[in-house]
Each structure stands twice: as C-alpha cells, then as structure tokens.
C-alpha cells in the first residue's frame, strides 16, 4: 500500500470544478465541504444586491424599488430593479410597472401599463444620457 505524502499547497493541481472544497476549521484542523453547501453558506452570508450595495440577486426576483408617485422621483439614472408608478413617466402610461435593466454600455427602461396603455421602452447610457426617448408598442386590436 502506497504511503500518503503531504503536498505543499502551491503544488496543488489547478482545477475548474470539484465536488468538494478543502477548508481549515476554526480549531486549525482540516475539513471538506460540498460545493453546493458552500454556495448556500455564501448566499446566506451575502446581502441582496440593491442600488446602494453589491450582493446577490434576491431569490424573490428583481430588487423592488419604491413606488414612483411624483415625476420628481424618476430620472434616467434610477437604479436597476422593478418599480410601481402612479404618475405618467413621460410615455402616456399613468400607472404601471417599470423595469430598469442596466447593461455594461446601455440601460433600458421598460414600462408595462396597468390597465389601458402601451408598452413603452427607452434606452440610456450609464451616464444618464438619453439615446432613445420613449417608444411605444400598442397591442390593442382595432
């Protein structure tokens, strides 16, 4: 039977996936944890991402922002997430749900009307510069 040898950590094989991760416990001994269990530990310990802080996406979906009740509370630099609104955002929809999606180079605001109205979309740079003002799509039949 071959004798086990200690291997220095800087000599470990580099891998991109493994079922277990080896760890050092609080008492200095070694242990192993399943990758799926480690992910759960990190998920519980890390906050949910919001406009003000980095973190993980909530398991409840997009960040739910405040209700926009005054046009002064809405601008092109609003944080990513979902918002209810009870004021026309400049697209003809007096009430609805606003999805704000940020990409690396562009952001989109997608407004879904509550009741009558048209789906409205506008595109913005991360600086807040408007690229395309509200464009609407009407799904009603004549």
Protein backbone atom coordinates (compact mmCIF):
# COMPACT_ATOMS: atom_id res chain seq x y z
CA UNK A 1 0.00 0.00 0.00
CA UNK A 2 1.38 3.38 -1.01
CA UNK A 3 2.11 5.81 1.78
CA UNK A 4 0.32 9.18 1.60
CA UNK A 5 2.55 12.20 1.20
CA UNK A 6 1.96 15.77 2.23
CA UNK A 7 1.82 18.08 -0.76
CA UNK A 8 2.52 21.78 -0.40
CA UNK A 9 -0.47 23.95 -1.31
CA UNK A 10 1.48 25.77 -4.03
CA UNK A 11 1.93 22.38 -5.70
CA UNK A 12 -1.78 21.51 -5.81
CA UNK A 13 -3.27 20.76 -9.20
CA UNK A 14 -5.30 23.68 -10.58
CA UNK A 15 -8.88 22.64 -11.42
CA UNK A 16 -12.02 24.43 -12.60
CA UNK A 17 -14.55 22.21 -10.84
CA UNK A 18 -14.65 19.78 -7.94
CA UNK A 19 -17.35 18.23 -5.75
CA UNK A 20 -15.63 19.30 -2.51
CA UNK A 21 -13.54 22.23 -1.30
CA UNK A 22 -10.99 21.63 1.43
CA UNK A 23 -11.00 24.14 4.27
CA UNK A 24 -9.31 24.98 7.53
CA UNK A 25 -11.64 24.84 10.53
CA UNK A 26 -11.65 27.28 13.45
CA UNK A 27 -9.60 24.86 15.59
CA UNK A 28 -6.88 24.65 12.91
CA UNK A 29 -7.81 21.18 11.67
CA UNK A 30 -8.76 20.47 8.07
CA UNK A 31 -12.15 19.59 6.67
CA UNK A 32 -14.06 19.45 3.42
CA UNK A 33 -17.36 20.99 2.38
CA UNK A 34 -19.59 20.12 -0.57
CA UNK A 35 -19.55 22.80 -3.24
CA UNK A 36 -23.35 23.11 -3.01
CA UNK A 37 -23.17 23.60 0.77
CA UNK A 38 -20.50 26.29 0.38
CA UNK A 39 -22.68 28.13 -2.13
CA UNK A 40 -25.55 28.12 0.38
CA UNK A 41 -23.27 29.44 3.17
CA UNK A 42 -22.15 32.28 0.89
CA UNK A 43 -25.72 33.04 -0.24
CA UNK A 44 -26.95 33.34 3.36
CA UNK A 45 -23.97 35.48 4.41
CA UNK A 46 -24.02 37.86 1.43
CA UNK A 47 -26.57 40.67 1.28
CA UNK A 48 -29.07 41.12 -1.53
CA UNK A 49 -27.89 43.48 -4.26
CA UNK A 50 -29.56 46.87 -4.16
CA UNK A 51 -28.96 50.23 -5.75
CA UNK A 52 -26.79 51.13 -2.74
CA UNK A 53 -24.83 47.90 -2.19
CA UNK A 54 -23.32 44.98 -4.05
CA UNK A 55 -24.57 41.49 -3.34
CA UNK A 56 -26.52 38.60 -4.81
CA UNK A 57 -29.81 38.80 -6.66
CA UNK A 58 -32.72 38.15 -4.33
CA UNK A 59 -34.36 34.74 -4.63
CA UNK A 60 -37.59 36.75 -4.80
CA UNK A 61 -36.55 38.26 -8.15
CA UNK A 62 -35.55 41.78 -9.07
CA UNK A 63 -34.96 44.44 -6.45
CA UNK A 64 -38.33 46.05 -5.71
CA UNK A 65 -37.85 49.78 -5.57
CA UNK A 66 -40.18 52.32 -4.08
CA UNK A 67 -43.37 53.36 -5.80
CA UNK A 68 -42.80 56.38 -8.02
CA UNK A 69 -45.60 58.74 -7.03
CA UNK A 70 -44.06 62.02 -8.20
CA UNK A 71 -42.29 62.65 -11.51
CA UNK A 72 -39.50 64.29 -9.46
CA UNK A 73 -38.67 60.79 -8.09
CA UNK A 74 -37.91 59.47 -11.60
CA UNK A 75 -34.83 60.15 -13.74
CA UNK A 76 -32.60 58.43 -16.30
CA UNK A 77 -30.13 57.34 -13.58
CA UNK A 78 -32.62 55.37 -11.47
CA UNK A 79 -31.22 52.10 -10.08
CA UNK A 80 -31.85 48.70 -11.65
CA UNK A 81 -34.94 46.88 -10.44
CA UNK A 82 -38.71 46.96 -10.62
CA UNK A 83 -40.82 49.92 -9.61
CA UNK A 84 -44.55 50.58 -9.46
CA UNK A 85 -45.59 54.03 -10.63
CA UNK A 86 -48.71 56.10 -10.15
CA UNK A 87 -47.62 59.03 -12.31
CA UNK A 88 -47.01 59.35 -16.06
CA UNK A 89 -43.25 58.94 -16.65
CA UNK A 90 -43.49 60.82 -19.94
CA UNK A 91 -44.78 57.94 -22.06
CA UNK A 92 -48.55 58.27 -21.66
CA UNK A 93 -48.98 55.47 -19.08
CA UNK A 94 -50.48 56.95 -15.89
CA UNK A 95 -49.82 53.78 -13.85
CA UNK A 96 -47.75 50.67 -14.37
CA UNK A 97 -44.68 48.61 -13.57
CA UNK A 98 -41.28 49.94 -14.60
CA UNK A 99 -38.39 47.53 -15.21
CA UNK A 100 -34.96 49.19 -15.17
CA UNK A 101 -32.25 46.97 -16.66
CA UNK A 102 -28.59 48.03 -16.63
CA UNK A 103 -26.09 46.58 -19.08
CA UNK A 104 -22.42 47.46 -19.40
CA UNK A 105 -22.92 50.10 -22.12
CA UNK A 106 -26.65 50.76 -22.09
CA UNK A 107 -29.66 50.74 -19.82
CA UNK A 108 -33.28 50.17 -20.75
CA UNK A 109 -36.42 51.33 -19.04
CA UNK A 110 -39.42 49.14 -19.90
CA UNK A 111 -42.81 50.35 -18.71
CA UNK A 112 -45.75 47.93 -18.65
CA UNK A 113 -49.04 49.78 -18.19
CA UNK A 114 -51.58 48.83 -15.54
CA UNK A 115 -54.86 48.84 -17.42
CA UNK A 116 -55.05 50.71 -20.71
CA UNK A 117 -51.82 51.94 -22.22
CA UNK A 118 -48.92 50.91 -24.39
CA UNK A 119 -45.70 49.06 -23.62
CA UNK A 120 -43.02 51.76 -23.57
CA UNK A 121 -39.23 51.43 -23.86
CA UNK A 122 -36.37 53.92 -23.73
CA UNK A 123 -32.59 53.45 -23.94
CA UNK A 124 -29.99 55.33 -21.91
CA UNK A 125 -26.20 55.36 -21.44
CA UNK A 126 -24.84 54.61 -17.93
CA UNK A 127 -24.09 58.35 -17.61
CA UNK A 128 -27.82 59.09 -17.84
CA UNK A 129 -27.54 60.41 -21.41
CA UNK A 130 -30.73 59.64 -23.32
CA UNK A 131 -30.14 57.61 -26.51
CA UNK A 132 -33.76 56.91 -27.50
CA UNK A 133 -36.69 58.53 -25.75
CA UNK A 134 -39.84 56.54 -25.02
CA UNK A 135 -41.03 54.37 -27.90
CA UNK A 136 -44.37 52.66 -27.52
CA UNK A 137 -45.82 49.38 -28.74
CA UNK A 138 -49.60 49.11 -28.93
CA UNK A 139 -51.00 45.59 -28.53
CA UNK A 140 -54.67 46.56 -28.78
CA UNK A 141 -56.85 45.35 -31.65
CA UNK A 142 -58.83 47.76 -33.82
